[in-house]
Amino acid sequence: MPYCSHCGRPVEETDLYCGSCGARQPVPERPAGPFASISSRNASLLCYIPLVGWIAAIVVLASQRFKTDREVRFHAFQGLYLFVVWLVVDWAVGPFFHFAGEVSQVSLAAILKLALLGTWIYMLVKTSQGVTVKLPVLGELAERSLAEQQ
């Protein structure tokens, strides 16, 4: 049980003023959330980290702090869609050409993965510079996802 900061008598945790002396009680600090000290630009950057940025994107989309920040949410959606393209290339395109009998050393899946890795790096650089780049198809999907949430 807390005590009054002025007279020392017991008070409830929810009391703003002491019932005995009337002194204002200090408001307890609320614990900081996971993104309490991170800037919008850094949160956007985290969404484009290759292969693991989808985790940050989901956390950003679920957090209350960035619920109204359209730019950060755009980057989170676009980073998620970029990861989905990676999964499609890795799980569908790669095995398809492997079973189709492609014998060249450099497969189409490897070229596409390299292009996606380059896209992630490009997005990291542009986002760190404060430039919002809308990728051709993925940017439109991210815009639609933002529009549906409002």
N, C-alpha and C. Protein backbone atom coordinates (compact mmCIF):
# COMPACT_ATOMS: atom_id res chain seq x y z
N MET A 1 0.85 -1.18 0.00
CA MET A 1 0.00 0.00 0.00
C MET A 1 0.89 1.24 0.00
N PRO A 2 0.66 2.18 -0.91
CA PRO A 2 1.46 3.41 -0.94
C PRO A 2 1.04 4.38 0.16
N TYR A 3 1.93 5.31 0.41
CA TYR A 3 1.70 6.32 1.44
C TYR A 3 1.79 7.71 0.83
N CYS A 4 1.15 8.68 1.47
CA CYS A 4 1.14 10.06 0.99
C CYS A 4 2.56 10.59 0.97
N SER A 5 2.90 11.30 -0.09
CA SER A 5 4.25 11.86 -0.21
C SER A 5 4.43 13.08 0.67
N HIS A 6 3.34 13.61 1.23
CA HIS A 6 3.43 14.81 2.07
C HIS A 6 3.28 14.49 3.56
N CYS A 7 2.21 13.76 3.93
CA CYS A 7 1.96 13.51 5.35
C CYS A 7 2.30 12.09 5.79
N GLY A 8 2.45 11.16 4.87
CA GLY A 8 2.84 9.80 5.22
C GLY A 8 1.69 8.86 5.54
N ARG A 9 0.47 9.30 5.43
CA ARG A 9 -0.67 8.42 5.71
C ARG A 9 -0.95 7.53 4.51
N PRO A 10 -1.57 6.38 4.75
CA PRO A 10 -1.87 5.46 3.64
C PRO A 10 -2.86 6.06 2.64
N VAL A 11 -2.59 5.84 1.36
CA VAL A 11 -3.49 6.25 0.27
C VAL A 11 -3.63 5.06 -0.68
N GLU A 12 -4.64 5.10 -1.51
CA GLU A 12 -4.83 4.06 -2.52
C GLU A 12 -3.93 4.36 -3.72
N GLU A 13 -3.65 3.34 -4.50
CA GLU A 13 -2.79 3.52 -5.68
C GLU A 13 -3.43 4.42 -6.73
N THR A 14 -4.75 4.47 -6.75
CA THR A 14 -5.45 5.27 -7.76
C THR A 14 -5.75 6.70 -7.29
N ASP A 15 -5.45 7.02 -6.04
CA ASP A 15 -5.73 8.37 -5.52
C ASP A 15 -4.78 9.39 -6.11
N LEU A 16 -5.36 10.49 -6.61
CA LEU A 16 -4.54 11.59 -7.10
C LEU A 16 -4.19 12.55 -5.98
N TYR A 17 -5.06 12.62 -4.94
CA TYR A 17 -4.85 13.50 -3.80
C TYR A 17 -4.99 12.71 -2.51
N CYS A 18 -4.27 13.12 -1.50
CA CYS A 18 -4.35 12.47 -0.19
C CYS A 18 -5.69 12.83 0.46
N GLY A 19 -6.35 11.84 1.07
CA GLY A 19 -7.62 12.07 1.72
C GLY A 19 -7.47 12.83 3.03
N SER A 20 -6.29 12.83 3.62
CA SER A 20 -6.07 13.50 4.90
C SER A 20 -5.59 14.93 4.74
N CYS A 21 -4.52 15.14 3.99
CA CYS A 21 -3.95 16.49 3.88
C CYS A 21 -4.27 17.17 2.56
N GLY A 22 -4.74 16.44 1.55
CA GLY A 22 -5.11 17.03 0.28
C GLY A 22 -3.95 17.24 -0.68
N ALA A 23 -2.76 16.75 -0.34
CA ALA A 23 -1.59 16.94 -1.21
C ALA A 23 -1.72 16.06 -2.46
N ARG A 24 -1.26 16.60 -3.57
CA ARG A 24 -1.28 15.85 -4.83
C ARG A 24 -0.24 14.73 -4.75
N GLN A 25 -0.65 13.55 -5.20
CA GLN A 25 0.24 12.39 -5.17
C GLN A 25 0.95 12.25 -6.50
N PRO A 26 2.20 11.80 -6.46
CA PRO A 26 2.91 11.61 -7.73
C PRO A 26 2.25 10.52 -8.56
N VAL A 27 2.19 10.77 -9.87
CA VAL A 27 1.59 9.80 -10.79
C VAL A 27 2.66 8.77 -11.12
N PRO A 28 2.36 7.49 -10.92
CA PRO A 28 3.37 6.48 -11.25
C PRO A 28 3.63 6.46 -12.76
N GLU A 29 4.89 6.27 -13.10
CA GLU A 29 5.25 6.23 -14.51
C GLU A 29 4.78 4.93 -15.13
N ARG A 30 4.22 5.05 -16.32
CA ARG A 30 3.80 3.86 -17.04
C ARG A 30 5.00 3.23 -17.70
N PRO A 31 5.05 1.92 -17.75
CA PRO A 31 6.19 1.29 -18.42
C PRO A 31 6.18 1.63 -19.91
N ALA A 32 7.35 1.82 -20.43
CA ALA A 32 7.49 2.16 -21.85
C ALA A 32 7.23 0.94 -22.70
N GLY A 33 6.58 1.16 -23.85
CA GLY A 33 6.30 0.07 -24.77
C GLY A 33 7.56 -0.32 -25.54
N PRO A 34 7.44 -1.30 -26.42
CA PRO A 34 8.62 -1.75 -27.15
C PRO A 34 9.19 -0.71 -28.11
N PHE A 35 8.38 0.27 -28.53
CA PHE A 35 8.85 1.29 -29.46
C PHE A 35 8.79 2.68 -28.83
N ALA A 36 9.02 2.78 -27.54
CA ALA A 36 8.89 4.07 -26.87
C ALA A 36 9.95 5.06 -27.33
N SER A 37 11.15 4.61 -27.60
CA SER A 37 12.22 5.54 -27.93
C SER A 37 12.71 5.42 -29.37
N ILE A 38 12.06 4.63 -30.19
CA ILE A 38 12.52 4.44 -31.57
C ILE A 38 11.84 5.48 -32.47
N SER A 39 12.61 6.01 -33.39
CA SER A 39 12.05 7.01 -34.30
C SER A 39 11.26 6.31 -35.42
N SER A 40 10.47 7.09 -36.11
CA SER A 40 9.68 6.56 -37.22
C SER A 40 10.58 6.04 -38.33
N ARG A 41 11.65 6.76 -38.59
CA ARG A 41 12.57 6.34 -39.66
C ARG A 41 13.23 5.01 -39.31
N ASN A 42 13.66 4.85 -38.06
CA ASN A 42 14.29 3.59 -37.66
C ASN A 42 13.30 2.43 -37.69
N ALA A 43 12.06 2.68 -37.30
CA ALA A 43 11.04 1.63 -37.37
C ALA A 43 10.81 1.22 -38.83
N SER A 44 10.82 2.21 -39.73
CA SER A 44 10.67 1.90 -41.15
C SER A 44 11.86 1.10 -41.67
N LEU A 45 13.05 1.46 -41.22
CA LEU A 45 14.25 0.74 -41.65
C LEU A 45 14.23 -0.72 -41.21
N LEU A 46 13.76 -0.97 -40.01
CA LEU A 46 13.73 -2.34 -39.50
C LEU A 46 12.87 -3.25 -40.36
N CYS A 47 11.88 -2.69 -41.02
CA CYS A 47 10.97 -3.49 -41.85
C CYS A 47 11.63 -4.00 -43.13
N TYR A 48 12.79 -3.45 -43.49
CA TYR A 48 13.46 -3.85 -44.72
C TYR A 48 14.73 -4.66 -44.49
N ILE A 49 14.96 -5.13 -43.28
CA ILE A 49 16.14 -5.96 -43.04
C ILE A 49 15.90 -7.30 -43.74
N PRO A 50 16.82 -7.69 -44.62
CA PRO A 50 16.59 -8.92 -45.40
C PRO A 50 16.33 -10.14 -44.53
N LEU A 51 15.32 -10.89 -44.89
CA LEU A 51 14.91 -12.17 -44.30
C LEU A 51 14.34 -12.09 -42.89
N VAL A 52 14.59 -11.06 -42.12
CA VAL A 52 14.02 -10.97 -40.77
C VAL A 52 13.20 -9.70 -40.56
N GLY A 53 13.14 -8.84 -41.56
CA GLY A 53 12.39 -7.60 -41.43
C GLY A 53 10.90 -7.81 -41.26
N TRP A 54 10.40 -8.97 -41.66
CA TRP A 54 8.96 -9.26 -41.52
C TRP A 54 8.57 -9.29 -40.05
N ILE A 55 9.48 -9.67 -39.18
CA ILE A 55 9.16 -9.68 -37.74
C ILE A 55 8.94 -8.26 -37.25
N ALA A 56 9.85 -7.36 -37.61
CA ALA A 56 9.69 -5.96 -37.22
C ALA A 56 8.45 -5.35 -37.85
N ALA A 57 8.14 -5.74 -39.08
CA ALA A 57 6.96 -5.20 -39.75
C ALA A 57 5.68 -5.61 -39.02
N ILE A 58 5.61 -6.85 -38.58
CA ILE A 58 4.43 -7.30 -37.85
C ILE A 58 4.33 -6.58 -36.51
N VAL A 59 5.44 -6.40 -35.83
CA VAL A 59 5.43 -5.69 -34.55
C VAL A 59 5.01 -4.24 -34.75
N VAL A 60 5.51 -3.60 -35.80
CA VAL A 60 5.13 -2.22 -36.08
C VAL A 60 3.64 -2.12 -36.37
N LEU A 61 3.12 -3.04 -37.17
CA LEU A 61 1.69 -3.00 -37.49
C LEU A 61 0.81 -3.27 -36.28
N ALA A 62 1.32 -4.02 -35.32
CA ALA A 62 0.54 -4.36 -34.14
C ALA A 62 0.68 -3.33 -33.02
N SER A 63 1.67 -2.45 -33.08
CA SER A 63 1.92 -1.53 -31.98
C SER A 63 0.97 -0.33 -32.03
N GLN A 64 0.66 0.17 -30.87
CA GLN A 64 -0.22 1.33 -30.75
C GLN A 64 0.51 2.61 -31.18
N ARG A 65 1.82 2.65 -30.98
CA ARG A 65 2.58 3.88 -31.26
C ARG A 65 2.49 4.29 -32.72
N PHE A 66 2.51 3.34 -33.62
CA PHE A 66 2.52 3.65 -35.05
C PHE A 66 1.16 3.41 -35.70
N LYS A 67 0.11 3.37 -34.91
CA LYS A 67 -1.23 3.11 -35.44
C LYS A 67 -1.69 4.21 -36.40
N THR A 68 -1.25 5.44 -36.19
CA THR A 68 -1.69 6.54 -37.04
C THR A 68 -0.58 7.06 -37.97
N ASP A 69 0.59 6.47 -37.90
CA ASP A 69 1.72 6.91 -38.73
C ASP A 69 1.67 6.17 -40.07
N ARG A 70 1.11 6.84 -41.08
CA ARG A 70 0.91 6.20 -42.39
C ARG A 70 2.22 5.79 -43.05
N GLU A 71 3.24 6.61 -42.92
CA GLU A 71 4.50 6.30 -43.59
C GLU A 71 5.14 5.03 -43.03
N VAL A 72 5.18 4.90 -41.72
CA VAL A 72 5.78 3.71 -41.11
C VAL A 72 4.95 2.48 -41.45
N ARG A 73 3.65 2.61 -41.41
CA ARG A 73 2.79 1.47 -41.74
C ARG A 73 2.94 1.09 -43.22
N PHE A 74 3.12 2.09 -44.10
CA PHE A 74 3.36 1.79 -45.51
C PHE A 74 4.63 0.95 -45.66
N HIS A 75 5.70 1.37 -44.99
CA HIS A 75 6.96 0.62 -45.08
C HIS A 75 6.81 -0.78 -44.49
N ALA A 76 6.02 -0.90 -43.43
CA ALA A 76 5.81 -2.22 -42.83
C ALA A 76 5.08 -3.14 -43.80
N PHE A 77 4.03 -2.64 -44.43
CA PHE A 77 3.30 -3.46 -45.40
C PHE A 77 4.18 -3.80 -46.60
N GLN A 78 4.90 -2.82 -47.12
CA GLN A 78 5.73 -3.07 -48.28
C GLN A 78 6.85 -4.06 -47.94
N GLY A 79 7.42 -3.95 -46.73
CA GLY A 79 8.45 -4.91 -46.31
C GLY A 79 7.88 -6.31 -46.17
N LEU A 80 6.66 -6.42 -45.67
CA LEU A 80 6.01 -7.73 -45.58
C LEU A 80 5.78 -8.33 -46.97
N TYR A 81 5.29 -7.52 -47.89
CA TYR A 81 5.04 -8.03 -49.23
C TYR A 81 6.33 -8.41 -49.94
N LEU A 82 7.41 -7.70 -49.68
CA LEU A 82 8.70 -8.05 -50.25
C LEU A 82 9.17 -9.41 -49.72
N PHE A 83 8.91 -9.66 -48.45
CA PHE A 83 9.26 -10.97 -47.88
C PHE A 83 8.38 -12.08 -48.48
N VAL A 84 7.12 -11.79 -48.73
CA VAL A 84 6.23 -12.78 -49.36
C VAL A 84 6.74 -13.14 -50.75
N VAL A 85 7.22 -12.16 -51.50
CA VAL A 85 7.79 -12.44 -52.82
C VAL A 85 9.01 -13.35 -52.67
N TRP A 86 9.83 -13.09 -51.65
CA TRP A 86 10.99 -13.96 -51.39
C TRP A 86 10.53 -15.40 -51.15
N LEU A 87 9.49 -15.56 -50.35
CA LEU A 87 8.99 -16.90 -50.05
C LEU A 87 8.46 -17.59 -51.31
N VAL A 88 7.78 -16.84 -52.16
CA VAL A 88 7.27 -17.42 -53.41
C VAL A 88 8.42 -17.88 -54.28
N VAL A 89 9.46 -17.07 -54.38
CA VAL A 89 10.62 -17.47 -55.19
C VAL A 89 11.30 -18.68 -54.57
N ASP A 90 11.45 -18.67 -53.25
CA ASP A 90 12.16 -19.75 -52.58
C ASP A 90 11.38 -21.06 -52.57
N TRP A 91 10.08 -20.99 -52.36
CA TRP A 91 9.28 -22.21 -52.20
C TRP A 91 8.59 -22.67 -53.48
N ALA A 92 8.38 -21.79 -54.44
CA ALA A 92 7.64 -22.19 -55.64
C ALA A 92 8.50 -22.14 -56.90
N VAL A 93 9.15 -21.01 -57.15
CA VAL A 93 9.90 -20.84 -58.38
C VAL A 93 11.14 -21.74 -58.39
N GLY A 94 11.88 -21.75 -57.29
CA GLY A 94 13.08 -22.58 -57.20
C GLY A 94 12.81 -24.06 -57.41
N PRO A 95 11.90 -24.66 -56.65
CA PRO A 95 11.60 -26.08 -56.86
C PRO A 95 11.02 -26.38 -58.24
N PHE A 96 10.24 -25.45 -58.80
CA PHE A 96 9.67 -25.68 -60.13
C PHE A 96 10.77 -25.87 -61.16
N PHE A 97 11.75 -24.96 -61.17
CA PHE A 97 12.82 -25.07 -62.15
C PHE A 97 13.78 -26.21 -61.83
N HIS A 98 13.87 -26.58 -60.57
CA HIS A 98 14.70 -27.73 -60.21
C HIS A 98 14.08 -29.01 -60.77
N PHE A 99 12.77 -29.17 -60.63
CA PHE A 99 12.09 -30.36 -61.13
C PHE A 99 11.92 -30.33 -62.65
N ALA A 100 11.93 -29.14 -63.22
CA ALA A 100 11.78 -29.03 -64.67
C ALA A 100 13.05 -29.45 -65.41
N GLY A 101 14.13 -29.62 -64.67
CA GLY A 101 15.34 -30.12 -65.29
C GLY A 101 16.33 -29.05 -65.70
N GLU A 102 16.26 -27.89 -65.09
CA GLU A 102 17.22 -26.84 -65.42
C GLU A 102 18.59 -27.26 -64.89
N VAL A 103 19.59 -27.29 -65.75
CA VAL A 103 20.90 -27.77 -65.36
C VAL A 103 21.95 -26.67 -65.34
N SER A 104 21.57 -25.45 -65.64
CA SER A 104 22.56 -24.37 -65.63
C SER A 104 23.00 -24.07 -64.21
N GLN A 105 24.19 -23.56 -64.08
CA GLN A 105 24.76 -23.28 -62.77
C GLN A 105 24.00 -22.16 -62.07
N VAL A 106 23.58 -21.18 -62.82
CA VAL A 106 22.85 -20.05 -62.25
C VAL A 106 21.39 -20.19 -62.65
N SER A 107 20.56 -20.50 -61.70
CA SER A 107 19.14 -20.71 -62.01
C SER A 107 18.37 -19.39 -61.94
N LEU A 108 17.18 -19.42 -62.47
CA LEU A 108 16.31 -18.24 -62.43
C LEU A 108 15.98 -17.88 -60.99
N ALA A 109 15.79 -18.87 -60.13
CA ALA A 109 15.48 -18.59 -58.72
C ALA A 109 16.63 -17.86 -58.05
N ALA A 110 17.87 -18.23 -58.35
CA ALA A 110 19.02 -17.57 -57.75
C ALA A 110 19.11 -16.12 -58.22
N ILE A 111 18.81 -15.89 -59.49
CA ILE A 111 18.84 -14.52 -60.02
C ILE A 111 17.75 -13.68 -59.36
N LEU A 112 16.56 -14.26 -59.21
CA LEU A 112 15.47 -13.53 -58.57
C LEU A 112 15.78 -13.24 -57.10
N LYS A 113 16.38 -14.19 -56.41
CA LYS A 113 16.76 -13.97 -55.01
C LYS A 113 17.80 -12.86 -54.90
N LEU A 114 18.74 -12.84 -55.80
CA LEU A 114 19.75 -11.77 -55.81
C LEU A 114 19.10 -10.42 -56.07
N ALA A 115 18.14 -10.39 -56.99
CA ALA A 115 17.42 -9.14 -57.28
C ALA A 115 16.62 -8.69 -56.06
N LEU A 116 16.00 -9.62 -55.34
CA LEU A 116 15.25 -9.26 -54.14
C LEU A 116 16.17 -8.76 -53.04
N LEU A 117 17.32 -9.36 -52.90
CA LEU A 117 18.30 -8.90 -51.92
C LEU A 117 18.75 -7.48 -52.26
N GLY A 118 18.99 -7.22 -53.54
CA GLY A 118 19.34 -5.87 -53.98
C GLY A 118 18.22 -4.88 -53.71
N THR A 119 16.98 -5.31 -53.88
CA THR A 119 15.84 -4.44 -53.61
C THR A 119 15.77 -4.10 -52.12
N TRP A 120 16.00 -5.10 -51.28
CA TRP A 120 16.02 -4.83 -49.83
C TRP A 120 17.10 -3.81 -49.48
N ILE A 121 18.28 -3.97 -50.03
CA ILE A 121 19.37 -3.04 -49.74
C ILE A 121 19.03 -1.65 -50.27
N TYR A 122 18.48 -1.58 -51.46
CA TYR A 122 18.06 -0.29 -52.03
C TYR A 122 17.02 0.38 -51.12
N MET A 123 16.06 -0.39 -50.64
CA MET A 123 15.03 0.18 -49.77
C MET A 123 15.62 0.64 -48.44
N LEU A 124 16.59 -0.09 -47.92
CA LEU A 124 17.26 0.33 -46.68
C LEU A 124 17.96 1.68 -46.88
N VAL A 125 18.66 1.82 -48.00
CA VAL A 125 19.37 3.06 -48.26
C VAL A 125 18.40 4.22 -48.44
N LYS A 126 17.39 4.04 -49.27
CA LYS A 126 16.43 5.12 -49.54
C LYS A 126 15.64 5.50 -48.28
N THR A 127 15.25 4.51 -47.50
CA THR A 127 14.50 4.81 -46.28
C THR A 127 15.38 5.52 -45.26
N SER A 128 16.65 5.15 -45.19
CA SER A 128 17.56 5.84 -44.26
C SER A 128 17.78 7.29 -44.68
N GLN A 129 17.62 7.59 -45.96
CA GLN A 129 17.74 8.96 -46.44
C GLN A 129 16.43 9.74 -46.29
N GLY A 130 15.39 9.08 -45.85
CA GLY A 130 14.10 9.74 -45.66
C GLY A 130 13.25 9.79 -46.92
N VAL A 131 13.61 9.02 -47.92
CA VAL A 131 12.87 8.99 -49.19
C VAL A 131 11.93 7.79 -49.17
N THR A 132 10.67 8.02 -49.47
CA THR A 132 9.71 6.93 -49.54
C THR A 132 9.62 6.46 -50.99
N VAL A 133 10.05 5.23 -51.22
CA VAL A 133 10.02 4.64 -52.55
C VAL A 133 8.84 3.67 -52.61
N LYS A 134 8.00 3.84 -53.62
CA LYS A 134 6.86 2.96 -53.81
C LYS A 134 7.22 1.96 -54.91
N LEU A 135 7.46 0.72 -54.52
CA LEU A 135 7.80 -0.32 -55.49
C LEU A 135 6.61 -0.56 -56.42
N PRO A 136 6.86 -0.96 -57.67
CA PRO A 136 5.79 -1.03 -58.67
C PRO A 136 4.53 -1.77 -58.24
N VAL A 137 4.57 -3.01 -57.89
CA VAL A 137 3.36 -3.75 -57.53
C VAL A 137 3.18 -3.76 -56.02
N LEU A 138 4.27 -3.97 -55.31
CA LEU A 138 4.20 -4.08 -53.85
C LEU A 138 3.79 -2.77 -53.19
N GLY A 139 4.20 -1.65 -53.76
CA GLY A 139 3.81 -0.35 -53.22
C GLY A 139 2.31 -0.11 -53.34
N GLU A 140 1.76 -0.55 -54.46
CA GLU A 140 0.31 -0.41 -54.65
C GLU A 140 -0.45 -1.29 -53.66
N LEU A 141 0.06 -2.50 -53.43
CA LEU A 141 -0.57 -3.38 -52.44
C LEU A 141 -0.50 -2.78 -51.04
N ALA A 142 0.65 -2.17 -50.72
CA ALA A 142 0.81 -1.54 -49.42
C ALA A 142 -0.15 -0.36 -49.27
N GLU A 143 -0.32 0.43 -50.32
CA GLU A 143 -1.28 1.55 -50.28
C GLU A 143 -2.70 1.06 -50.06
N ARG A 144 -3.06 -0.02 -50.75
CA ARG A 144 -4.41 -0.60 -50.56
C ARG A 144 -4.60 -1.11 -49.14
N SER A 145 -3.57 -1.72 -48.58
CA SER A 145 -3.67 -2.23 -47.21
C SER A 145 -3.84 -1.07 -46.23
N LEU A 146 -3.17 0.04 -46.47
CA LEU A 146 -3.34 1.22 -45.61
C LEU A 146 -4.76 1.76 -45.73
N ALA A 147 -5.27 1.82 -46.95
CA ALA A 147 -6.62 2.35 -47.17
C ALA A 147 -7.68 1.47 -46.52
N GLU A 148 -7.47 0.16 -46.52
CA GLU A 148 -8.46 -0.74 -45.93
C GLU A 148 -8.51 -0.63 -44.41
N GLN A 149 -7.43 -0.20 -43.79
CA GLN A 149 -7.40 -0.13 -42.33
C GLN A 149 -8.00 1.14 -41.79
N GLN A 150 -8.34 2.08 -42.64
CA GLN A 150 -8.87 3.33 -42.12
C GLN A 150 -10.33 3.48 -42.36
